[in-house]
PDB file of N, CA and C in Angstrom:
ATOM      1  N   MET A   1      72.603 165.076 152.784  1.00  0.00           N
ATOM      2  CA  MET A   1      71.192 164.658 153.099  1.00  0.00           C
ATOM      3  C   MET A   1      71.199 163.389 152.179  1.00  0.00           C
ATOM      4  N   ALA A   2      70.805 162.646 152.650  1.00  0.00           N
ATOM      5  CA  ALA A   2      70.626 160.969 151.729  1.00  0.00           C
ATOM      6  C   ALA A   2      69.530 160.988 151.474  1.00  0.00           C
ATOM      7  N   THR A   3      69.249 160.524 150.280  1.00  0.00           N
ATOM      8  CA  THR A   3      67.906 160.312 148.886  1.00  0.00           C
ATOM      9  C   THR A   3      67.676 159.089 148.875  1.00  0.00           C
ATOM     10  N   ILE A   4      66.387 158.637 149.253  1.00  0.00           N
ATOM     11  CA  ILE A   4      65.484 157.702 149.285  1.00  0.00           C
ATOM     12  C   ILE A   4      65.063 157.249 148.112  1.00  0.00           C
ATOM     13  N   LEU A   5      64.896 156.104 147.052  1.00  0.00           N
ATOM     14  CA  LEU A   5      64.176 156.187 146.235  1.00  0.00           C
ATOM     15  C   LEU A   5      63.341 154.925 146.337  1.00  0.00           C
ATOM     16  N   ALA A   6      62.079 155.208 145.713  1.00  0.00           N
ATOM     17  CA  ALA A   6      61.068 153.854 145.868  1.00  0.00           C
ATOM     18  C   ALA A   6      61.009 153.644 144.495  1.00  0.00           C
ATOM     19  N   LEU A   7      61.231 152.593 143.623  1.00  0.00           N
ATOM     20  CA  LEU A   7      60.748 152.378 142.636  1.00  0.00           C
ATOM     21  C   LEU A   7      59.177 151.261 142.411  1.00  0.00           C
ATOM     22  N   HIS A   8      58.221 151.870 141.200  1.00  0.00           N
ATOM     23  CA  HIS A   8      57.330 150.392 141.480  1.00  0.00           C
ATOM     24  C   HIS A   8      56.978 150.201 140.280  1.00  0.00           C
ATOM     25  N   GLY A   9      56.625 149.052 139.926  1.00  0.00           N
ATOM     26  CA  GLY A   9      56.180 148.115 138.557  1.00  0.00           C
ATOM     27  C   GLY A   9      55.426 148.271 138.362  1.00  0.00           C
ATOM     28  N   PRO A  10      54.814 147.122 137.189  1.00  0.00           N
ATOM     29  CA  PRO A  10      53.648 147.534 136.651  1.00  0.00           C
ATOM     30  C   PRO A  10      52.639 147.512 137.285  1.00  0.00           C
ATOM     31  N   ASN A  11      51.167 147.662 136.798  1.00  0.00           N
ATOM     32  CA  ASN A  11      49.850 147.526 137.682  1.00  0.00           C
ATOM     33  C   ASN A  11      49.831 148.190 138.872  1.00  0.00           C
ATOM     34  N   LEU A  12      50.738 148.508 139.549  1.00  0.00           N
ATOM     35  CA  LEU A  12      50.762 149.383 141.044  1.00  0.00           C
ATOM     36  C   LEU A  12      50.116 150.833 141.018  1.00  0.00           C
ATOM     37  N   ASN A  13      49.902 151.320 139.803  1.00  0.00           N
ATOM     38  CA  ASN A  13      49.219 152.897 139.709  1.00  0.00           C
ATOM     39  C   ASN A  13      47.792 152.587 139.385  1.00  0.00           C
ATOM     40  N   LEU A  14      47.452 151.018 139.714  1.00  0.00           N
ATOM     41  CA  LEU A  14      45.917 150.696 139.791  1.00  0.00           C
ATOM     42  C   LEU A  14      45.654 150.357 141.441  1.00  0.00           C
ATOM     43  N   LEU A  15      46.340 150.600 142.136  1.00  0.00           N
ATOM     44  CA  LEU A  15      46.248 150.613 144.272  1.00  0.00           C
ATOM     45  C   LEU A  15      45.146 151.448 143.978  1.00  0.00           C
ATOM     46  N   GLY A  16      44.519 150.345 145.001  1.00  0.00           N
ATOM     47  CA  GLY A  16      43.481 151.290 145.650  1.00  0.00           C
ATOM     48  C   GLY A  16      42.133 151.129 144.829  1.00  0.00           C
ATOM     49  N   LEU A  17      41.667 150.697 142.912  1.00  0.00           N
ATOM     50  CA  LEU A  17      40.906 150.465 142.298  1.00  0.00           C
ATOM     51  C   LEU A  17      41.020 149.667 142.041  1.00  0.00           C
ATOM     52  N   ARG A  18      41.837 148.711 141.514  1.00  0.00           N
ATOM     53  CA  ARG A  18      41.854 146.977 141.524  1.00  0.00           C
ATOM     54  C   ARG A  18      41.799 146.136 142.176  1.00  0.00           C
ATOM     55  N   GLU A  19      40.600 145.363 142.462  1.00  0.00           N
ATOM     56  CA  GLU A  19      40.850 144.484 143.566  1.00  0.00           C
ATOM     57  C   GLU A  19      40.838 144.869 145.055  1.00  0.00           C
ATOM     58  N   PRO A  20      40.231 146.127 145.332  1.00  0.00           N
ATOM     59  CA  PRO A  20      40.552 145.774 146.645  1.00  0.00           C
ATOM     60  C   PRO A  20      40.147 145.692 147.869  1.00  0.00           C
ATOM     61  N   HIS A  21      39.467 144.441 147.526  1.00  0.00           N
ATOM     62  CA  HIS A  21      39.218 143.407 149.027  1.00  0.00           C
ATOM     63  C   HIS A  21      40.467 142.160 148.538  1.00  0.00           C
ATOM     64  N   ILE A  22      41.554 142.122 147.859  1.00  0.00           N
ATOM     65  CA  ILE A  22      42.694 141.745 147.882  1.00  0.00           C
ATOM     66  C   ILE A  22      44.070 142.894 148.440  1.00  0.00           C
ATOM     67  N   TYR A  23      44.393 143.507 147.716  1.00  0.00           N
ATOM     68  CA  TYR A  23      45.254 144.534 147.810  1.00  0.00           C
ATOM     69  C   TYR A  23      44.810 145.612 148.542  1.00  0.00           C
ATOM     70  N   GLY A  24      43.958 145.965 149.425  1.00  0.00           N
ATOM     71  CA  GLY A  24      42.960 147.094 149.966  1.00  0.00           C
ATOM     72  C   GLY A  24      42.762 147.809 149.071  1.00  0.00           C
ATOM     73  N   SER A  25      42.492 149.228 149.840  1.00  0.00           N
ATOM     74  CA  SER A  25      41.895 150.705 149.339  1.00  0.00           C
ATOM     75  C   SER A  25      42.724 151.947 148.828  1.00  0.00           C
ATOM     76  N   ASP A  26      43.857 151.429 149.829  1.00  0.00           N
ATOM     77  CA  ASP A  26      45.258 152.971 149.308  1.00  0.00           C
ATOM     78  C   ASP A  26      45.770 153.068 148.262  1.00  0.00           C
ATOM     79  N   THR A  27      45.805 154.018 147.415  1.00  0.00           N
ATOM     80  CA  THR A  27      46.546 154.327 146.463  1.00  0.00           C
ATOM     81  C   THR A  27      47.925 154.175 146.362  1.00  0.00           C
ATOM     82  N   LEU A  28      48.614 154.436 144.934  1.00  0.00           N
ATOM     83  CA  LEU A  28      49.373 154.239 145.204  1.00  0.00           C
ATOM     84  C   LEU A  28      50.565 155.836 145.929  1.00  0.00           C
ATOM     85  N   ASP A  29      49.554 156.956 145.405  1.00  0.00           N
ATOM     86  CA  ASP A  29      49.783 157.907 145.784  1.00  0.00           C
ATOM     87  C   ASP A  29      49.390 157.723 147.508  1.00  0.00           C
ATOM     88  N   ASP A  30      48.954 157.519 148.217  1.00  0.00           N
ATOM     89  CA  ASP A  30      49.320 157.243 149.961  1.00  0.00           C
ATOM     90  C   ASP A  30      50.098 156.461 150.191  1.00  0.00           C
ATOM     91  N   ILE A  31      50.815 155.648 149.992  1.00  0.00           N
ATOM     92  CA  ILE A  31      52.196 155.427 150.251  1.00  0.00           C
ATOM     93  C   ILE A  31      53.231 155.804 150.091  1.00  0.00           C
ATOM     94  N   ASN A  32      52.912 156.604 148.510  1.00  0.00           N
ATOM     95  CA  ASN A  32      54.435 157.544 148.344  1.00  0.00           C
ATOM     96  C   ASN A  32      53.957 158.724 149.067  1.00  0.00           C
ATOM     97  N   ALA A  33      53.227 158.747 149.674  1.00  0.00           N
ATOM     98  CA  ALA A  33      52.937 160.184 151.032  1.00  0.00           C
ATOM     99  C   ALA A  33      52.958 159.622 151.878  1.00  0.00           C
ATOM    100  N   ARG A  34      52.777 158.256 152.545  1.00  0.00           N
ATOM    101  CA  ARG A  34      53.963 158.260 153.764  1.00  0.00           C
ATOM    102  C   ARG A  34      54.634 158.003 153.978  1.00  0.00           C
ATOM    103  N   LEU A  35      55.155 157.242 152.967  1.00  0.00           N
ATOM    104  CA  LEU A  35      56.908 157.369 152.727  1.00  0.00           C
ATOM    105  C   LEU A  35      57.190 159.025 152.598  1.00  0.00           C
ATOM    106  N   GLN A  36      57.226 160.021 152.500  1.00  0.00           N
ATOM    107  CA  GLN A  36      57.923 160.736 151.820  1.00  0.00           C
ATOM    108  C   GLN A  36      57.485 161.537 153.330  1.00  0.00           C
ATOM    109  N   ALA A  37      56.057 161.149 154.364  1.00  0.00           N
ATOM    110  CA  ALA A  37      56.253 161.701 155.626  1.00  0.00           C
ATOM    111  C   ALA A  37      57.329 160.991 156.818  1.00  0.00           C
ATOM    112  N   GLN A  38      57.640 159.723 156.811  1.00  0.00           N
ATOM    113  CA  GLN A  38      58.399 159.429 156.691  1.00  0.00           C
ATOM    114  C   GLN A  38      59.972 160.117 156.502  1.00  0.00           C
ATOM    115  N   CYS A  39      60.324 159.860 154.852  1.00  0.00           N
ATOM    116  CA  CYS A  39      61.504 160.964 154.851  1.00  0.00           C
ATOM    117  C   CYS A  39      61.432 162.189 155.422  1.00  0.00           C
ATOM    118  N   ASP A  40      60.377 162.808 155.671  1.00  0.00           N
ATOM    119  CA  ASP A  40      61.011 164.128 156.169  1.00  0.00           C
ATOM    120  C   ASP A  40      61.065 163.747 157.710  1.00  0.00           C
ATOM    121  N   GLU A  41      60.393 163.381 158.126  1.00  0.00           N
ATOM    122  CA  GLU A  41      60.766 163.455 159.474  1.00  0.00           C
ATOM    123  C   GLU A  41      61.995 162.511 160.316  1.00  0.00           C
ATOM    124  N   LEU A  42      62.812 161.677 159.395  1.00  0.00           N
ATOM    125  CA  LEU A  42      63.836 161.151 159.767  1.00  0.00           C
ATOM    126  C   LEU A  42      65.107 162.278 158.231  1.00  0.00           C
ATOM    127  N   GLY A  43      64.758 163.185 157.858  1.00  0.00           N
ATOM    128  CA  GLY A  43      65.741 163.779 156.852  1.00  0.00           C
ATOM    129  C   GLY A  43      65.810 163.403 155.925  1.00  0.00           C
ATOM    130  N   PHE A  44      65.067 162.402 155.721  1.00  0.00           N
ATOM    131  CA  PHE A  44      65.572 161.965 154.038  1.00  0.00           C
ATOM    132  C   PHE A  44      65.232 162.434 152.960  1.00  0.00           C
ATOM    133  N   TYR A  45      65.722 162.657 151.866  1.00  0.00           N
ATOM    134  CA  TYR A  45      65.353 163.201 150.474  1.00  0.00           C
ATOM    135  C   TYR A  45      63.823 161.643 150.163  1.00  0.00           C
ATOM    136  N   PHE A  46      62.564 162.543 149.332  1.00  0.00           N
ATOM    137  CA  PHE A  46      62.092 160.904 148.605  1.00  0.00           C
ATOM    138  C   PHE A  46      62.523 161.380 147.448  1.00  0.00           C
ATOM    139  N   ASN A  47      62.669 160.025 146.284  1.00  0.00           N
ATOM    140  CA  ASN A  47      61.703 160.265 145.553  1.00  0.00           C
ATOM    141  C   ASN A  47      61.497 158.968 144.794  1.00  0.00           C
ATOM    142  N   HIS A  48      60.403 159.337 143.610  1.00  0.00           N
ATOM    143  CA  HIS A  48      59.620 157.824 143.571  1.00  0.00           C
ATOM    144  C   HIS A  48      59.801 157.624 141.819  1.00  0.00           C
ATOM    145  N   LEU A  49      58.397 156.605 141.578  1.00  0.00           N
ATOM    146  CA  LEU A  49      58.504 156.325 140.116  1.00  0.00           C
ATOM    147  C   LEU A  49      57.802 155.024 139.875  1.00  0.00           C
ATOM    148  N   GLN A  50      56.606 155.270 139.235  1.00  0.00           N
ATOM    149  CA  GLN A  50      55.706 153.955 138.656  1.00  0.00           C
ATOM    150  C   GLN A  50      55.870 153.957 137.138  1.00  0.00           C
ATOM    151  N   SER A  51      56.065 152.764 136.878  1.00  0.00           N
ATOM    152  CA  SER A  51      56.127 152.678 135.206  1.00  0.00           C
ATOM    153  C   SER A  51      55.892 150.763 135.172  1.00  0.00           C
ATOM    154  N   ASN A  52      54.518 150.952 133.586  1.00  0.00           N
ATOM    155  CA  ASN A  52      54.646 149.806 133.098  1.00  0.00           C
ATOM    156  C   ASN A  52      55.527 149.256 132.797  1.00  0.00           C
ATOM    157  N   SER A  53      56.495 150.260 132.028  1.00  0.00           N
ATOM    158  CA  SER A  53      57.207 149.566 131.402  1.00  0.00           C
ATOM    159  C   SER A  53      58.860 149.573 132.122  1.00  0.00           C
ATOM    160  N   GLU A  54      59.585 148.158 131.593  1.00  0.00           N
ATOM    161  CA  GLU A  54      60.241 147.711 132.038  1.00  0.00           C
ATOM    162  C   GLU A  54      61.702 148.536 131.817  1.00  0.00           C
ATOM    163  N   ALA A  55      61.884 149.398 130.455  1.00  0.00           N
ATOM    164  CA  ALA A  55      62.521 149.844 130.063  1.00  0.00           C
ATOM    165  C   ALA A  55      62.798 151.854 131.218  1.00  0.00           C
ATOM    166  N   ASP A  56      61.716 151.885 131.666  1.00  0.00           N
ATOM    167  CA  ASP A  56      61.418 152.618 132.030  1.00  0.00           C
ATOM    168  C   ASP A  56      62.657 152.821 133.428  1.00  0.00           C
ATOM    169  N   LEU A  57      62.094 151.899 134.604  1.00  0.00           N
ATOM    170  CA  LEU A  57      62.517 151.561 135.355  1.00  0.00           C
ATOM    171  C   LEU A  57      64.107 151.176 135.048  1.00  0.00           C
ATOM    172  N   ILE A  58      64.774 150.750 134.317  1.00  0.00           N
ATOM    173  CA  ILE A  58      65.506 150.311 134.118  1.00  0.00           C
ATOM    174  C   ILE A  58      66.564 152.074 133.893  1.00  0.00           C
ATOM    175  N   ASP A  59      66.494 152.416 133.175  1.00  0.00           N
ATOM    176  CA  ASP A  59      66.880 153.933 133.202  1.00  0.00           C
ATOM    177  C   ASP A  59      66.740 154.163 133.786  1.00  0.00           C
ATOM    178  N   ARG A  60      66.179 154.297 135.052  1.00  0.00           N
ATOM    179  CA  ARG A  60      65.908 155.602 136.183  1.00  0.00           C
ATOM    180  C   ARG A  60      66.833 154.704 137.673  1.00  0.00           C
ATOM    181  N   LEU A  61      67.248 153.780 137.650  1.00  0.00           N
ATOM    182  CA  LEU A  61      68.161 152.531 137.557  1.00  0.00           C
ATOM    183  C   LEU A  61      69.198 152.924 137.367  1.00  0.00           C
ATOM    184  N   HIS A  62      69.524 153.274 136.157  1.00  0.00           N
ATOM    185  CA  HIS A  62      70.843 153.557 135.558  1.00  0.00           C
ATOM    186  C   HIS A  62      70.785 155.074 136.197  1.00  0.00           C
ATOM    187  N   ALA A  63      69.532 155.936 135.858  1.00  0.00           N
ATOM    188  CA  ALA A  63      70.678 156.942 136.695  1.00  0.00           C
ATOM    189  C   ALA A  63      70.700 157.139 138.300  1.00  0.00           C
ATOM    190  N   ALA A  64      70.226 156.367 139.370  1.00  0.00           N
ATOM    191  CA  ALA A  64      70.473 156.361 139.993  1.00  0.00           C
ATOM    192  C   ALA A  64      71.762 156.107 140.515  1.00  0.00           C
ATOM    193  N   ARG A  65      72.637 155.514 139.948  1.00  0.00           N
ATOM    194  CA  ARG A  65      73.594 155.337 139.991  1.00  0.00           C
ATOM    195  C   ARG A  65      74.871 156.886 140.589  1.00  0.00           C
ATOM    196  N   THR A  66      74.149 157.576 139.952  1.00  0.00           N
ATOM    197  CA  THR A  66      74.861 159.277 139.790  1.00  0.00           C
ATOM    198  C   THR A  66      73.779 160.920 140.228  1.00  0.00           C
ATOM    199  N   ASP A  67      72.552 160.066 140.451  1.00  0.00           N
ATOM    200  CA  ASP A  67      71.844 161.092 141.429  1.00  0.00           C
ATOM    201  C   ASP A  67      71.743 161.650 142.164  1.00  0.00           C
ATOM    202  N   GLU A  68      72.604 160.072 143.410  1.00  0.00           N
ATOM    203  CA  GLU A  68      72.776 160.575 144.656  1.00  0.00           C
ATOM    204  C   GLU A  68      71.825 161.090 145.648  1.00  0.00           C
ATOM    205  N   THR A  69      71.355 159.401 144.414  1.00  0.00           N
ATOM    206  CA  THR A  69      70.474 158.557 145.230  1.00  0.00           C
ATOM    207  C   THR A  69      71.172 156.967 146.241  1.00  0.00           C
ATOM    208  N   SER A  70      71.256 156.966 147.899  1.00  0.00           N
ATOM    209  CA  SER A  70      71.483 156.279 148.740  1.00  0.00           C
ATOM    210  C   SER A  70      70.900 154.638 149.287  1.00  0.00           C
ATOM    211  N   PHE A  71      69.503 154.841 148.717  1.00  0.00           N
ATOM    212  CA  PHE A  71      68.975 154.194 149.144  1.00  0.00           C
ATOM    213  C   PHE A  71      67.600 153.585 148.287  1.00  0.00           C
ATOM    214  N   MET A  72      67.531 152.092 148.000  1.00  0.00           N
ATOM    215  CA  MET A  72      66.246 151.984 147.175  1.00  0.00           C
ATOM    216  C   MET A  72      65.186 150.836 148.001  1.00  0.00           C
ATOM    217  N   LEU A  73      64.062 151.701 147.561  1.00  0.00           N
ATOM    218  CA  LEU A  73      62.934 150.485 147.946  1.00  0.00           C
ATOM    219  C   LEU A  73      62.635 150.175 146.644  1.00  0.00           C
ATOM    220  N   VAL A  74      62.004 148.623 146.223  1.00  0.00           N
ATOM    221  CA  VAL A  74      61.965 148.018 145.213  1.00  0.00           C
ATOM    222  C   VAL A  74      60.674 147.326 144.953  1.00  0.00           C
ATOM    223  N   ASN A  75      59.999 147.624 144.452  1.00  0.00           N
ATOM    224  CA  ASN A  75      58.339 146.592 143.988  1.00  0.00           C
ATOM    225  C   ASN A  75      58.129 146.443 143.004  1.00  0.00           C
ATOM    226  N   PHE A  76      59.366 145.850 141.974  1.00  0.00           N
ATOM    227  CA  PHE A  76      58.472 145.331 140.520  1.00  0.00           C
ATOM    228  C   PHE A  76      57.469 144.615 140.657  1.00  0.00           C
ATOM    229  N   GLY A  77      56.496 144.167 140.645  1.00  0.00           N
ATOM    230  CA  GLY A  77      55.539 143.835 140.259  1.00  0.00           C
ATOM    231  C   GLY A  77      55.728 142.425 140.040  1.00  0.00           C
ATOM    232  N   GLY A  78      55.117 142.596 138.789  1.00  0.00           N
ATOM    233  CA  GLY A  78      55.508 141.471 138.072  1.00  0.00           C
ATOM    234  C   GLY A  78      55.909 140.904 137.399  1.00  0.00           C
ATOM    235  N   PHE A  79      57.327 142.043 137.379  1.00  0.00           N
ATOM    236  CA  PHE A  79      58.964 141.473 136.631  1.00  0.00           C
ATOM    237  C   PHE A  79      59.879 141.261 137.842  1.00  0.00           C
ATOM    238  N   THR A  80      58.973 141.489 139.073  1.00  0.00           N
ATOM    239  CA  THR A  80      59.958 140.809 140.112  1.00  0.00           C
ATOM    240  C   THR A  80      60.858 139.321 140.020  1.00  0.00           C
ATOM    241  N   HIS A  81      60.379 138.585 139.371  1.00  0.00           N
ATOM    242  CA  HIS A  81      60.451 136.314 138.830  1.00  0.00           C
ATOM    243  C   HIS A  81      60.867 137.206 137.036  1.00  0.00           C
ATOM    244  N   THR A  82      60.367 138.007 137.025  1.00  0.00           N
ATOM    245  CA  THR A  82      60.819 137.410 135.448  1.00  0.00           C
ATOM    246  C   THR A  82      61.907 138.503 134.512  1.00  0.00           C
ATOM    247  N   SER A  83      62.734 139.375 135.450  1.00  0.00           N
ATOM    248  CA  SER A  83      63.247 140.129 134.756  1.00  0.00           C
ATOM    249  C   SER A  83      64.287 140.141 134.904  1.00  0.00           C
ATOM    250  N   ILE A  84      65.296 139.404 133.754  1.00  0.00           N
ATOM    251  CA  ILE A  84      66.945 139.404 134.005  1.00  0.00           C
ATOM    252  C   ILE A  84      68.024 140.757 134.175  1.00  0.00           C
ATOM    253  N   ALA A  85      67.034 141.513 132.962  1.00  0.00           N
ATOM    254  CA  ALA A  85      67.356 142.573 132.645  1.00  0.00           C
ATOM    255  C   ALA A  85      67.450 143.463 133.746  1.00  0.00           C
ATOM    256  N   LEU A  86      66.282 143.800 135.009  1.00  0.00           N
ATOM    257  CA  LEU A  86      65.956 144.584 136.152  1.00  0.00           C
ATOM    258  C   LEU A  86      67.050 143.859 137.000  1.00  0.00           C
ATOM    259  N   ARG A  87      67.172 143.138 137.482  1.00  0.00           N
ATOM    260  CA  ARG A  87      67.990 142.550 138.063  1.00  0.00           C
ATOM    261  C   ARG A  87      69.420 142.265 137.739  1.00  0.00           C
ATOM    262  N   ASP A  88      69.715 142.425 136.563  1.00  0.00           N
ATOM    263  CA  ASP A  88      71.170 143.314 136.355  1.00  0.00           C
ATOM    264  C   ASP A  88      71.124 144.704 136.528  1.00  0.00           C
ATOM    265  N   ALA A  89      70.167 145.647 136.354  1.00  0.00           N
ATOM    266  CA  ALA A  89      70.323 147.462 136.134  1.00  0.00           C
ATOM    267  C   ALA A  89      70.365 147.903 137.654  1.00  0.00           C
ATOM    268  N   ILE A  90      69.546 146.836 138.891  1.00  0.00           N
ATOM    269  CA  ILE A  90      69.798 147.258 140.077  1.00  0.00           C
ATOM    270  C   ILE A  90      71.011 146.415 140.707  1.00  0.00           C
ATOM    271  N   LEU A  91      71.569 145.423 140.259  1.00  0.00           N
ATOM    272  CA  LEU A  91      73.289 145.229 141.165  1.00  0.00           C
ATOM    273  C   LEU A  91      73.966 145.928 140.427  1.00  0.00           C
ATOM    274  N   ALA A  92      73.370 146.388 139.063  1.00  0.00           N
ATOM    275  CA  ALA A  92      74.770 147.490 138.907  1.00  0.00           C
ATOM    276  C   ALA A  92      74.835 148.838 139.169  1.00  0.00           C
ATOM    277  N   THR A  93      74.098 149.180 139.794  1.00  0.00           N
ATOM    278  CA  THR A  93      73.803 150.219 140.409  1.00  0.00           C
ATOM    279  C   THR A  93      74.842 150.419 142.026  1.00  0.00           C
ATOM    280  N   GLU A  94      74.824 149.095 142.545  1.00  0.00           N
ATOM    281  CA  GLU A  94      75.441 149.223 143.820  1.00  0.00           C
ATOM    282  C   GLU A  94      74.904 149.549 144.874  1.00  0.00           C
ATOM    283  N   LEU A  95      73.813 150.029 144.547  1.00  0.00           N
ATOM    284  CA  LEU A  95      73.797 150.795 145.751  1.00  0.00           C
ATOM    285  C   LEU A  95      72.580 149.373 146.798  1.00  0.00           C
ATOM    286  N   PRO A  96      72.589 149.770 148.364  1.00  0.00           N
ATOM    287  CA  PRO A  96      72.291 148.869 148.670  1.00  0.00           C
ATOM    288  C   PRO A  96      70.105 149.410 148.508  1.00  0.00           C
ATOM    289  N   PHE A  97      69.750 148.241 148.886  1.00  0.00           N
ATOM    290  CA  PHE A  97      68.390 148.324 148.499  1.00  0.00           C
ATOM    291  C   PHE A  97      67.418 147.150 148.970  1.00  0.00           C
ATOM    292  N   ILE A  98      65.672 147.783 149.415  1.00  0.00           N
ATOM    293  CA  ILE A  98      65.332 146.308 149.759  1.00  0.00           C
ATOM    294  C   ILE A  98      63.869 145.882 148.815  1.00  0.00           C
ATOM    295  N   GLU A  99      63.328 145.119 148.893  1.00  0.00           N
ATOM    296  CA  GLU A  99      62.384 144.316 147.447  1.00  0.00           C
ATOM    297  C   GLU A  99      61.618 144.082 148.532  1.00  0.00           C
ATOM    298  N   VAL A 100      60.429 145.234 148.281  1.00  0.00           N
ATOM    299  CA  VAL A 100      59.149 145.173 148.901  1.00  0.00           C
ATOM    300  C   VAL A 100      57.647 144.796 148.234  1.00  0.00           C
ATOM    301  N   HIS A 101      56.479 143.376 148.831  1.00  0.00           N
ATOM    302  CA  HIS A 101      55.414 143.402 148.039  1.00  0.00           C
ATOM    303  C   HIS A 101      54.568 143.283 148.826  1.00  0.00           C
ATOM    304  N   LEU A 102      53.333 143.780 147.410  1.00  0.00           N
ATOM    305  CA  LEU A 102      52.233 143.116 148.311  1.00  0.00           C
ATOM    306  C   LEU A 102      52.068 141.701 149.083  1.00  0.00           C
ATOM    307  N   SER A 103      51.638 142.205 150.283  1.00  0.00           N
ATOM    308  CA  SER A 103      50.384 140.489 150.573  1.00  0.00           C
ATOM    309  C   SER A 103      48.915 140.554 150.193  1.00  0.00           C
TER     310      SER A 103
END
């Protein structure tokens, strides 16, 4: 069974609390629960990590190379346009991924 990994970057742990008029009232737990339900329905395993630390995200990407991760959803938040290290780490996984953002 394929494993889907969702990586959430800095400040996404504050979803639902921080500026709900901009980001909505859904929490990160709500989002992960919906992703888990969709993965269950489709027969996939689901893992996720949120971190405000670039190093934690990079370490998790390195682990994805060998832990049966099949596909990744990434929202690196504020690191998206500033972190060459995250870009290099995600490319080094050689895994397919989709980058997503809140609007």
